[in-house]
Amino acid sequence: MNQIRVAVVAAVIAAGFTLASQAQNQTQPPMSAASQAQIQAEEEKHEITQPEANYHAGGSPLANEPMHPNANPKAPKMSEAEFEIGRKTYFERC
């Protein structure tokens, strides 16, 4: 009875691998010239305005601030000054 179950599980796994390899081997059909022209026209249509370029080129305002290191990955990112304010508030409440 166990040998039959093992054989069925092995057959299912083999079928899964076969389907996965066939899916990876499929290629996308070539795009028509009209589709390629439409995509190219949409890309050319979107021009970046100066305010948009300034927005994307701007750096982080916290780039020069020393950040407080924390071992907990779920802890929020905060600067040393923010951490000191939080520490002071915590100990004043206790």
Protein backbone atom coordinates (compact mmCIF):
# COMPACT_ATOMS: atom_id res chain seq x y z
CA MET A 1 0.00 0.00 0.00
CA ASN A 2 2.83 2.42 0.89
CA GLN A 3 4.66 1.51 -2.31
CA ILE A 4 1.65 2.58 -4.36
CA ARG A 5 1.49 5.94 -2.56
CA VAL A 6 5.20 6.48 -3.13
CA ALA A 7 4.79 5.65 -6.82
CA VAL A 8 1.86 8.07 -7.15
CA VAL A 9 3.75 10.86 -5.39
CA ALA A 10 6.80 10.23 -7.61
CA ALA A 11 4.61 10.37 -10.73
CA VAL A 12 3.03 13.65 -9.63
CA ILE A 13 6.44 15.18 -8.92
CA ALA A 14 7.79 14.01 -12.29
CA ALA A 15 4.76 15.49 -14.07
CA GLY A 16 5.28 18.77 -12.22
CA PHE A 17 8.91 18.96 -13.30
CA THR A 18 7.92 18.20 -16.89
CA LEU A 19 5.31 20.94 -16.96
CA ALA A 20 7.69 23.43 -15.34
CA SER A 21 10.42 22.74 -17.88
CA GLN A 22 7.97 23.11 -20.76
CA ALA A 23 6.73 26.41 -19.37
CA GLN A 24 10.28 27.74 -19.14
CA ASN A 25 11.06 26.74 -22.72
CA GLN A 26 8.15 28.66 -24.23
CA THR A 27 9.05 31.87 -26.00
CA GLN A 28 6.97 34.98 -26.40
CA PRO A 29 5.43 35.46 -29.85
CA PRO A 30 7.06 38.27 -31.81
CA MET A 31 5.34 41.64 -31.57
CA SER A 32 3.79 43.11 -34.66
CA ALA A 33 5.25 46.27 -36.17
CA ALA A 34 2.12 48.19 -35.17
CA SER A 35 2.50 47.15 -31.53
CA GLN A 36 6.16 48.10 -31.50
CA ALA A 37 5.37 51.47 -33.07
CA GLN A 38 2.63 52.13 -30.52
CA ILE A 39 4.93 51.34 -27.60
CA GLN A 40 7.66 53.55 -29.03
CA ALA A 41 5.19 56.42 -29.56
CA GLU A 42 3.99 56.16 -25.95
CA GLU A 43 7.57 56.27 -24.68
CA GLU A 44 8.40 59.32 -26.80
CA LYS A 45 5.17 61.08 -25.78
CA HIS A 46 6.13 61.19 -22.09
CA GLU A 47 8.54 64.09 -21.73
CA ILE A 48 9.86 64.95 -18.30
CA THR A 49 9.14 68.49 -17.17
CA GLN A 50 11.71 70.52 -15.22
CA PRO A 51 9.82 70.29 -11.88
CA GLU A 52 9.52 66.53 -12.34
CA ALA A 53 13.24 66.25 -13.12
CA ASN A 54 14.06 68.31 -10.01
CA TYR A 55 11.85 66.05 -7.89
CA HIS A 56 13.50 62.86 -9.12
CA ALA A 57 17.01 64.32 -8.89
CA GLY A 58 16.60 65.47 -5.29
CA GLY A 59 18.46 63.58 -2.60
CA SER A 60 17.26 62.55 0.81
CA PRO A 61 17.13 65.33 3.40
CA LEU A 62 18.48 62.79 5.91
CA ALA A 63 21.57 61.94 3.88
CA ASN A 64 23.87 63.88 6.22
CA GLU A 65 22.11 62.93 9.47
CA PRO A 66 23.68 60.23 11.65
CA MET A 67 21.19 57.37 11.93
CA HIS A 68 20.72 55.30 15.08
CA PRO A 69 21.69 51.64 14.49
CA ASN A 70 19.13 49.11 15.65
CA ALA A 71 19.35 45.31 15.75
CA ASN A 72 15.57 44.88 15.30
CA PRO A 73 14.73 44.93 11.56
CA LYS A 74 11.13 45.96 12.31
CA ALA A 75 12.19 49.05 14.26
CA PRO A 76 11.59 52.35 12.47
CA LYS A 77 14.60 54.17 11.05
CA MET A 78 15.44 57.22 13.15
CA SER A 79 18.24 59.69 13.55
CA GLU A 80 20.33 59.94 16.71
CA ALA A 81 18.48 63.14 17.69
CA GLU A 82 15.09 61.43 17.36
CA PHE A 83 16.36 58.45 19.36
CA GLU A 84 17.59 60.72 22.17
CA ILE A 85 14.21 62.51 22.31
CA GLY A 86 12.44 59.15 22.47
CA ARG A 87 14.79 57.87 25.17
CA LYS A 88 14.29 61.05 27.23
CA THR A 89 10.49 60.80 26.88
CA TYR A 90 10.50 57.12 27.84
CA PHE A 91 12.54 57.60 30.99
CA GLU A 92 10.62 60.72 32.05
CA ARG A 93 7.40 58.71 31.98
CA CYS A 94 8.75 55.86 34.12
